[in-house]
Amino acid sequence: MSAEKIVPRVRAALKKAADIYKKYEYLVFAIAFLAIAAGLRVCWLDFRSGDYNSFLAKWFDEIKAAGGLKGFASTVGDYTPMYKYIITLITYLPMNSLYSYKMVSCVFDVVLAVFAGLTVRHLLGGKDLAGLMAYAVVLFLPVVFLNSAVWAQCDSIYTSFCVMSFYFLLRGRGRLSMALYGVAFSFKLQAVFFAPAAVVFFLKGRLKFSDLLFFVLAYFLCALPAVIAGMSLVDALFGAYIIQAGEYARITLNAPNLYQFLSDSYNVSRELGSMLVFFAFGVCAIFCTYFYRADYRLDDKGMLLIAYLFSVLLPFVLPHMHERYFYMADIFAVIFTFVYPKKAYISAATAYCSLRAVVMFLFDGSGTKGSLTQVAVLMGAAIAALCIFVVGELKKKKAREGAGAPETVSAPLYVQRTAEEVSDGKES
């Protein structure tokens, strides 16, 4: 073939490749970030945490020895049926248990990053670059890859479903949102950190009562396979959470929260622990009441502020918290940073405190009481700054409404949703 014919064809092929690249440019970058993040995680594949050696490996071996699916109804471990489904399925993979656990959690790292990016993109009115950057930040966030690739923990799973729930709620799909939240709750009790925000969204009309029924339905359906396999209905629905509720007597388990300020003599008091649970409920009730009765219209950015605040406030005031329980707050902190970059010092502080506690537990054996207390002071200061900012933002929304927008707080709650969705569409 002559050069006169080859050159035009090469040019045409290059132009076509350039057009394809331009069309899928962000996808190319997303895949490149994913490849680098995968390499980062592979570096840690052989690391065995104390939790893996003491619990996860034994659960895997016991379920595998019991016959996998045949032995699923056993009461191995203190995790819910949803996570035990995963353990049961990975016993059939041709790899060891350490790699299997980490692979599942790393897959959900990607899911989490995708929906964090989509959430940022939605909140910023369709800015693809911001969404891509948020996706990349979550993939490379130390607390994320430490949790999955190093620790072999599963916090990315329930948090993924919580973030998906939040994203679809922003998109006005309340039933799907609550179904996904039901799945999140069926994985880990720590999904409760999103519950007060969901209550506020319901009270302010962003969720309907019929939407909440899909939470119940999804939660029940997640337990159904366990019941069919021979587990009692009560154990399938609540057994793991009943065990977990009485499993730890210590008031705080390396969490940088309010109870680092208690002396060690109080750290194993069950009576005090029970009292502090009600104290935390009271704190939540106060905030929920304020967010419900305050005179403002709850738009998408207001929902983010409330979700972030509760996700960091609850593990700060609840007793019996582990060091990794600020994981959900870390993801909302990333989203908050992109939406409110001028207030990034708040999200940076909460994320740093969370990471510091995790690193202490994983690599230092156990942090000193003094060092954790200092981290708790910074976390408390950051939460206080966040509260001030959230209240200030809500007051601004009230002031803008005073310029002529209709009031919605006093209207019947179940009627507000349609009008608010229309208004959200106009704003975006």
Protein backbone atom coordinates (compact mmCIF):
# COMPACT_ATOMS: atom_id res chain seq x y z
CA MET A 1 0.00 0.00 0.00
CA SER A 2 1.40 3.36 -0.96
CA ALA A 3 2.27 6.14 1.47
CA GLU A 4 -0.39 8.37 -0.10
CA LYS A 5 -3.06 5.93 1.10
CA ILE A 6 -1.52 5.06 4.47
CA VAL A 7 -1.06 8.62 5.76
CA PRO A 8 -4.72 9.69 5.40
CA ARG A 9 -5.87 6.50 7.11
CA VAL A 10 -3.48 7.04 9.99
CA ARG A 11 -4.66 10.63 10.37
CA ALA A 12 -8.28 9.50 10.30
CA ALA A 13 -7.57 6.84 12.93
CA LEU A 14 -5.75 9.34 15.16
CA LYS A 15 -8.59 11.83 14.82
CA LYS A 16 -11.12 9.16 15.71
CA ALA A 17 -9.03 8.14 18.74
CA ALA A 18 -8.79 11.78 19.82
CA ASP A 19 -12.55 12.20 19.51
CA ILE A 20 -13.15 9.08 21.58
CA TYR A 21 -10.67 10.27 24.20
CA LYS A 22 -12.31 13.69 24.36
CA LYS A 23 -15.72 12.06 24.82
CA TYR A 24 -14.54 9.70 27.56
CA GLU A 25 -11.75 11.83 29.02
CA TYR A 26 -13.01 11.74 32.60
CA LEU A 27 -13.51 7.98 32.41
CA VAL A 28 -9.90 7.57 31.29
CA PHE A 29 -8.69 9.59 34.28
CA ALA A 30 -10.99 7.62 36.59
CA ILE A 31 -9.51 4.34 35.36
CA ALA A 32 -5.98 5.71 35.76
CA PHE A 33 -6.70 6.77 39.36
CA LEU A 34 -8.21 3.35 40.02
CA ALA A 35 -5.12 1.56 38.68
CA ILE A 36 -2.81 3.59 40.94
CA ALA A 37 -5.11 3.06 43.93
CA ALA A 38 -5.12 -0.68 43.24
CA GLY A 39 -1.32 -0.71 43.24
CA LEU A 40 -1.33 1.13 46.55
CA ARG A 41 -3.58 -1.52 48.07
CA VAL A 42 -1.59 -4.45 46.68
CA CYS A 43 1.39 -3.23 48.73
CA TRP A 44 -0.53 -4.08 51.90
CA LEU A 45 -2.06 -7.42 50.92
CA ASP A 46 0.11 -9.53 53.24
CA PHE A 47 -0.35 -7.32 56.31
CA ARG A 48 -2.21 -9.20 59.05
CA SER A 49 -3.98 -7.05 61.62
CA GLY A 50 -4.83 -8.16 65.11
CA ASP A 51 -8.52 -8.25 64.21
CA TYR A 52 -7.83 -10.58 61.28
CA ASN A 53 -5.70 -12.95 63.36
CA SER A 54 -8.10 -12.99 66.30
CA PHE A 55 -11.49 -12.99 64.58
CA LEU A 56 -11.81 -12.81 60.80
CA ALA A 57 -9.55 -15.76 59.97
CA LYS A 58 -11.29 -17.96 62.53
CA TRP A 59 -14.76 -17.06 61.25
CA PHE A 60 -13.71 -17.88 57.71
CA ASP A 61 -12.28 -21.24 58.76
CA GLU A 62 -15.31 -22.16 60.87
CA ILE A 63 -17.84 -21.37 58.12
CA LYS A 64 -15.72 -23.21 55.54
CA ALA A 65 -15.39 -26.24 57.83
CA ALA A 66 -19.16 -26.21 58.40
CA GLY A 67 -19.75 -26.58 54.67
CA GLY A 68 -20.05 -23.01 53.43
CA LEU A 69 -23.68 -22.50 52.48
CA LYS A 70 -24.64 -25.66 54.33
CA GLY A 71 -23.27 -24.29 57.57
CA PHE A 72 -24.37 -20.71 57.15
CA ALA A 73 -26.99 -20.81 59.91
CA SER A 74 -24.28 -21.28 62.52
CA THR A 75 -23.72 -18.50 65.03
CA VAL A 76 -20.12 -17.91 64.01
CA GLY A 77 -18.84 -14.47 65.02
CA ASP A 78 -20.79 -11.40 66.07
CA TYR A 79 -21.51 -10.03 62.57
CA THR A 80 -24.85 -9.75 60.84
CA PRO A 81 -26.18 -12.24 58.27
CA MET A 82 -25.35 -9.81 55.44
CA TYR A 83 -21.62 -9.90 56.18
CA LYS A 84 -21.76 -13.62 56.84
CA TYR A 85 -23.23 -14.07 53.36
CA ILE A 86 -20.05 -12.48 52.05
CA ILE A 87 -17.79 -14.62 54.27
CA THR A 88 -19.66 -17.72 53.12
CA LEU A 89 -19.29 -16.84 49.45
CA ILE A 90 -15.58 -16.01 49.66
CA THR A 91 -14.89 -19.44 51.18
CA TYR A 92 -15.46 -20.73 47.64
CA LEU A 93 -12.83 -18.44 46.09
CA PRO A 94 -9.46 -19.92 45.08
CA MET A 95 -7.49 -17.62 47.38
CA ASN A 96 -6.70 -17.40 51.06
CA SER A 97 -9.02 -15.72 53.52
CA LEU A 98 -6.80 -12.66 54.02
CA TYR A 99 -6.85 -11.74 50.33
CA SER A 100 -10.54 -12.58 50.04
CA TYR A 101 -11.58 -10.25 52.87
CA LYS A 102 -9.44 -7.43 51.55
CA MET A 103 -10.65 -7.88 47.97
CA VAL A 104 -14.30 -7.45 48.98
CA SER A 105 -13.59 -4.33 51.04
CA CYS A 106 -11.44 -2.83 48.28
CA VAL A 107 -14.23 -3.36 45.74
CA PHE A 108 -16.51 -1.33 47.99
CA ASP A 109 -13.80 1.33 48.27
CA VAL A 110 -14.41 1.89 44.56
CA VAL A 111 -18.19 1.95 44.98
CA LEU A 112 -17.79 4.45 47.81
CA ALA A 113 -15.51 6.67 45.74
CA VAL A 114 -17.87 6.61 42.75
CA PHE A 115 -20.89 7.71 44.76
CA ALA A 116 -18.94 10.30 46.73
CA GLY A 117 -17.93 11.76 43.36
CA LEU A 118 -21.49 11.63 42.05
CA THR A 119 -22.73 13.35 45.20
CA VAL A 120 -20.21 16.19 44.82
CA ARG A 121 -21.09 16.51 41.13
CA HIS A 122 -24.79 16.80 42.00
CA LEU A 123 -24.28 19.32 44.79
CA LEU A 124 -22.12 21.52 42.57
CA GLY A 125 -24.57 21.55 39.70
CA GLY A 126 -22.98 18.97 37.41
CA LYS A 127 -19.30 19.88 37.66
CA ASP A 128 -17.59 16.77 36.30
CA LEU A 129 -14.08 17.77 37.33
CA ALA A 130 -15.07 18.27 40.96
CA GLY A 131 -16.81 14.89 40.96
CA LEU A 132 -13.71 13.23 39.49
CA MET A 133 -11.47 14.86 42.09
CA ALA A 134 -13.73 13.77 44.95
CA TYR A 135 -13.68 10.22 43.57
CA ALA A 136 -9.88 10.28 43.49
CA VAL A 137 -9.57 11.77 46.99
CA VAL A 138 -11.73 9.00 48.49
CA LEU A 139 -9.69 6.32 46.69
CA PHE A 140 -6.47 7.73 48.16
CA LEU A 141 -7.84 8.80 51.55
CA PRO A 142 -5.57 7.05 54.09
CA VAL A 143 -8.39 6.02 56.40
CA VAL A 144 -10.10 4.28 53.45
CA PHE A 145 -7.23 2.14 52.19
CA LEU A 146 -5.98 1.48 55.73
CA ASN A 147 -9.40 0.12 56.63
CA SER A 148 -9.71 -2.21 53.65
CA ALA A 149 -6.24 -3.13 52.34
CA VAL A 150 -4.44 -3.09 55.69
CA TRP A 151 -7.01 -3.82 58.38
CA ALA A 152 -9.30 -6.11 56.29
CA GLN A 153 -12.26 -4.34 57.90
CA CYS A 154 -15.59 -3.75 56.13
CA ASP A 155 -16.52 -0.16 56.97
CA SER A 156 -16.48 0.73 53.27
CA ILE A 157 -19.45 -1.59 52.73
CA TYR A 158 -22.05 -0.07 55.04
CA THR A 159 -20.74 3.44 54.36
CA SER A 160 -21.09 2.87 50.60
CA PHE A 161 -24.76 2.07 51.05
CA CYS A 162 -25.26 5.10 53.32
CA VAL A 163 -23.65 7.41 50.75
CA MET A 164 -25.71 5.80 47.98
CA SER A 165 -28.80 6.37 50.12
CA PHE A 166 -27.88 10.03 50.56
CA TYR A 167 -27.15 10.50 46.86
CA PHE A 168 -30.46 9.05 45.69
CA LEU A 169 -32.31 11.07 48.32
CA LEU A 170 -30.76 14.21 46.85
CA ARG A 171 -32.04 13.04 43.47
CA GLY A 172 -35.58 12.77 44.89
CA ARG A 173 -35.73 8.95 44.92
CA GLY A 174 -36.81 8.46 48.51
CA ARG A 175 -37.88 4.82 48.22
CA LEU A 176 -34.61 3.68 46.67
CA SER A 177 -32.74 5.79 49.21
CA MET A 178 -34.40 4.12 52.18
CA ALA A 179 -34.05 0.66 50.65
CA LEU A 180 -30.31 1.23 50.35
CA TYR A 181 -30.19 2.53 53.91
CA GLY A 182 -31.93 -0.65 55.03
CA VAL A 183 -29.16 -2.65 53.35
CA ALA A 184 -26.53 -0.47 55.09
CA PHE A 185 -28.17 -1.08 58.45
CA SER A 186 -28.28 -4.81 57.81
CA PHE A 187 -24.48 -4.80 57.46
CA LYS A 188 -23.36 -2.79 60.47
CA LEU A 189 -24.98 -1.06 63.40
CA GLN A 190 -22.68 1.91 62.74
CA ALA A 191 -25.07 2.88 59.94
CA VAL A 192 -27.06 4.41 62.81
CA PHE A 193 -24.80 7.48 62.47
CA PHE A 194 -26.89 8.44 59.44
CA ALA A 195 -30.22 7.82 61.21
CA PRO A 196 -30.68 11.24 62.92
CA ALA A 197 -30.10 12.96 59.58
CA ALA A 198 -32.74 10.72 57.99
CA VAL A 199 -35.14 11.66 60.81
CA VAL A 200 -34.59 15.36 60.10
CA PHE A 201 -35.05 14.80 56.35
CA PHE A 202 -38.37 13.10 57.12
CA LEU A 203 -39.54 15.82 59.48
CA LYS A 204 -38.64 18.52 56.97
CA GLY A 205 -40.55 16.78 54.19
CA ARG A 206 -37.68 15.41 52.08
CA LEU A 207 -38.81 11.87 52.93
CA LYS A 208 -42.34 10.48 53.04
CA PHE A 209 -43.70 7.86 55.41
CA SER A 210 -44.09 5.43 52.52
CA ASP A 211 -40.37 5.83 51.80
CA LEU A 212 -39.53 4.64 55.32
CA LEU A 213 -41.43 1.41 54.71
CA PHE A 214 -38.82 0.49 52.10
CA PHE A 215 -36.18 0.64 54.83
CA VAL A 216 -38.10 -1.97 56.81
CA LEU A 217 -38.71 -4.09 53.72
CA ALA A 218 -35.05 -4.06 52.65
CA TYR A 219 -33.86 -4.86 56.17
CA PHE A 220 -36.24 -7.83 56.37
CA LEU A 221 -35.29 -9.13 52.91
CA CYS A 222 -31.61 -9.01 53.85
CA ALA A 223 -32.31 -11.33 56.78
CA LEU A 224 -34.59 -13.68 54.84
CA PRO A 225 -31.88 -15.95 53.32
CA ALA A 226 -30.52 -16.58 56.82
CA VAL A 227 -33.97 -17.60 58.02
CA ILE A 228 -34.37 -19.94 55.05
CA ALA A 229 -30.97 -21.44 55.89
CA GLY A 230 -32.20 -22.30 59.39
CA MET A 231 -31.43 -19.25 61.54
CA SER A 232 -34.22 -18.03 63.79
CA LEU A 233 -35.98 -14.86 62.66
CA VAL A 234 -35.01 -12.98 65.82
CA ASP A 235 -31.34 -13.94 65.44
CA ALA A 236 -31.37 -13.05 61.75
CA LEU A 237 -32.89 -9.63 62.39
CA PHE A 238 -31.36 -8.59 65.71
CA GLY A 239 -29.04 -11.32 67.02
CA ALA A 240 -25.73 -9.71 66.05
CA TYR A 241 -26.76 -6.32 67.42
CA ILE A 242 -27.95 -7.82 70.71
CA ILE A 243 -24.56 -9.51 71.10
CA GLN A 244 -22.66 -6.35 70.18
CA ALA A 245 -24.67 -4.20 72.60
CA GLY A 246 -23.30 -6.13 75.59
CA GLU A 247 -19.94 -7.12 74.15
CA TYR A 248 -17.78 -4.19 75.24
CA ALA A 249 -17.83 -2.70 78.72
CA ARG A 250 -15.21 -0.01 78.13
CA ILE A 251 -16.65 3.48 77.76
CA THR A 252 -14.31 4.24 74.88
CA LEU A 253 -12.22 1.90 72.73
CA ASN A 254 -9.49 4.20 71.36
CA ALA A 255 -12.02 6.60 69.84
CA PRO A 256 -11.03 10.30 69.96
CA ASN A 257 -14.32 11.26 71.58
CA LEU A 258 -15.74 12.94 74.65
CA TYR A 259 -14.97 10.03 76.98
CA GLN A 260 -11.21 10.24 76.63
CA PHE A 261 -11.55 12.82 79.39
CA LEU A 262 -12.83 10.23 81.91
CA SER A 263 -10.33 8.62 84.23
CA ASP A 264 -9.57 4.92 83.75
CA SER A 265 -11.53 4.07 86.91
CA TYR A 266 -14.78 4.78 85.03
CA ASN A 267 -13.85 3.06 81.79
CA VAL A 268 -15.49 -0.30 82.50
CA SER A 269 -18.67 0.83 84.25
CA ARG A 270 -21.69 -0.72 82.51
CA GLU A 271 -24.08 1.50 84.46
CA LEU A 272 -22.25 4.59 83.30
CA GLY A 273 -22.18 3.23 79.76
CA SER A 274 -25.95 2.77 79.74
CA MET A 275 -26.47 6.27 81.10
CA LEU A 276 -24.20 7.76 78.44
CA VAL A 277 -26.18 6.05 75.67
CA PHE A 278 -29.25 7.96 76.84
CA PHE A 279 -27.16 11.11 77.11
CA ALA A 280 -26.16 10.70 73.45
CA PHE A 281 -29.82 10.15 72.50
CA GLY A 282 -30.66 13.36 74.33
CA VAL A 283 -27.98 15.30 72.43
CA CYS A 284 -29.35 13.94 69.15
CA ALA A 285 -32.89 14.81 70.14
CA ILE A 286 -31.86 18.41 70.85
CA PHE A 287 -30.20 18.79 67.44
CA CYS A 288 -33.06 17.05 65.63
CA THR A 289 -35.59 19.32 67.31
CA TYR A 290 -33.63 22.42 66.35
CA PHE A 291 -33.20 21.33 62.73
CA TYR A 292 -36.91 20.49 62.55
CA ARG A 293 -38.28 23.68 64.10
CA ALA A 294 -35.74 26.16 62.72
CA ASP A 295 -37.30 28.39 60.08
CA TYR A 296 -35.51 27.52 56.84
CA ARG A 297 -36.03 25.48 53.69
CA LEU A 298 -33.95 22.29 53.64
CA ASP A 299 -32.13 22.26 50.30
CA ASP A 300 -29.51 19.76 49.12
CA LYS A 301 -26.54 21.58 50.63
CA GLY A 302 -28.39 21.89 53.92
CA MET A 303 -28.90 18.12 53.85
CA LEU A 304 -25.15 17.64 53.44
CA LEU A 305 -24.42 19.86 56.43
CA ILE A 306 -26.83 17.90 58.62
CA ALA A 307 -25.55 14.50 57.45
CA TYR A 308 -21.92 15.47 58.05
CA LEU A 309 -22.65 16.97 61.46
CA PHE A 310 -24.50 13.91 62.77
CA SER A 311 -21.95 11.47 61.31
CA VAL A 312 -19.18 13.10 63.35
CA LEU A 313 -21.26 14.11 66.38
CA LEU A 314 -22.70 10.69 67.21
CA PRO A 315 -19.43 8.76 67.58
CA PHE A 316 -18.15 11.71 69.61
CA VAL A 317 -20.93 11.51 72.21
CA LEU A 318 -21.80 7.79 72.13
CA PRO A 319 -19.97 5.42 74.51
CA HIS A 320 -18.28 2.14 73.49
CA MET A 321 -16.97 3.63 70.23
CA HIS A 322 -13.99 2.13 68.39
CA GLU A 323 -11.28 4.18 66.70
CA ARG A 324 -12.64 3.50 63.18
CA TYR A 325 -16.19 4.67 63.87
CA PHE A 326 -15.57 8.11 62.38
CA TYR A 327 -15.21 6.44 58.96
CA MET A 328 -18.56 7.69 57.62
CA ALA A 329 -17.75 11.18 58.86
CA ASP A 330 -14.49 11.06 56.89
CA ILE A 331 -16.39 10.49 53.65
CA PHE A 332 -18.89 13.26 54.33
CA ALA A 333 -15.89 15.43 55.23
CA VAL A 334 -14.51 14.94 51.71
CA ILE A 335 -17.85 15.90 50.15
CA PHE A 336 -18.13 18.90 52.51
CA THR A 337 -14.65 20.09 51.49
CA PHE A 338 -15.58 20.27 47.81
CA VAL A 339 -18.88 22.02 48.49
CA TYR A 340 -17.52 24.44 51.13
CA PRO A 341 -13.77 24.78 50.34
CA LYS A 342 -13.37 27.85 52.54
CA LYS A 343 -14.31 25.71 55.55
CA ALA A 344 -11.89 22.89 54.67
CA TYR A 345 -10.07 23.41 57.98
CA ILE A 346 -13.10 21.89 59.74
CA SER A 347 -13.19 18.74 57.62
CA ALA A 348 -9.38 18.49 57.70
CA ALA A 349 -9.45 18.54 61.50
CA THR A 350 -12.12 15.82 61.87
CA ALA A 351 -10.41 13.64 59.24
CA TYR A 352 -7.01 14.08 60.90
CA CYS A 353 -8.38 13.07 64.31
CA SER A 354 -10.03 9.99 62.84
CA LEU A 355 -6.86 8.98 61.00
CA ARG A 356 -4.66 9.59 64.05
CA ALA A 357 -6.73 7.22 66.17
CA VAL A 358 -6.69 4.54 63.45
CA VAL A 359 -2.92 4.77 62.98
CA MET A 360 -2.36 4.56 66.73
CA PHE A 361 -4.40 1.36 66.92
CA LEU A 362 -2.95 -0.30 63.81
CA PHE A 363 0.72 0.55 64.14
CA ASP A 364 1.44 1.84 67.65
CA GLY A 365 -0.25 -1.05 69.46
CA SER A 366 -2.21 1.39 71.58
CA GLY A 367 -1.91 5.13 71.91
CA THR A 368 -1.26 6.73 75.27
CA LYS A 369 -4.20 8.15 77.14
CA GLY A 370 -2.67 11.60 76.93
CA SER A 371 -2.19 11.56 73.17
CA LEU A 372 -5.76 10.39 72.55
CA THR A 373 -7.05 13.08 74.87
CA GLN A 374 -5.26 15.72 72.82
CA VAL A 375 -6.79 14.35 69.63
CA ALA A 376 -10.22 14.34 71.30
CA VAL A 377 -9.78 18.03 72.18
CA LEU A 378 -9.14 18.85 68.52
CA MET A 379 -12.10 16.75 67.43
CA GLY A 380 -14.37 18.54 69.90
CA ALA A 381 -13.17 21.94 68.70
CA ALA A 382 -13.79 20.96 65.07
CA ILE A 383 -17.31 19.75 65.88
CA ALA A 384 -18.04 23.01 67.70
CA ALA A 385 -16.82 24.97 64.66
CA LEU A 386 -18.98 22.81 62.40
CA CYS A 387 -22.05 23.41 64.58
CA ILE A 388 -21.52 27.17 64.43
CA PHE A 389 -21.11 27.04 60.65
CA VAL A 390 -24.19 24.86 60.12
CA VAL A 391 -26.40 27.10 62.25
CA GLY A 392 -25.04 30.16 60.44
CA GLU A 393 -25.78 28.63 57.03
CA LEU A 394 -29.33 27.76 58.04
CA LYS A 395 -29.89 31.31 59.24
CA LYS A 396 -28.72 32.57 55.83
CA LYS A 397 -31.31 30.35 54.16
CA LYS A 398 -33.96 31.85 56.43
CA ALA A 399 -32.80 35.37 55.55
CA ARG A 400 -32.99 34.62 51.83
CA GLU A 401 -36.50 33.27 52.26
CA GLY A 402 -37.48 36.50 53.96
CA ALA A 403 -36.87 38.28 50.67
CA GLY A 404 -40.00 36.72 49.20
CA ALA A 405 -39.75 32.93 49.14
CA PRO A 406 -42.74 31.13 50.67
CA GLU A 407 -42.45 29.64 54.12
CA THR A 408 -42.56 25.85 54.25
CA VAL A 409 -41.93 24.87 57.83
CA SER A 410 -45.47 25.42 59.01
CA ALA A 411 -47.02 23.51 56.10
CA PRO A 412 -48.08 19.88 56.56
CA LEU A 413 -44.88 17.83 56.36
CA TYR A 414 -46.07 15.25 53.87
CA VAL A 415 -47.23 17.96 51.48
CA GLN A 416 -43.95 19.89 51.43
CA ARG A 417 -41.89 17.42 49.44
CA THR A 418 -43.22 18.13 45.95
CA ALA A 419 -42.86 21.89 46.28
CA GLU A 420 -39.34 21.54 47.66
CA GLU A 421 -38.25 19.19 44.89
CA VAL A 422 -39.47 21.66 42.29
CA SER A 423 -37.61 24.46 44.02
CA ASP A 424 -34.44 22.34 44.20
CA GLY A 425 -34.69 21.74 40.48
CA LYS A 426 -34.86 25.47 39.80
CA GLU A 427 -31.84 26.15 41.98
CA SER A 428 -29.73 23.53 40.30
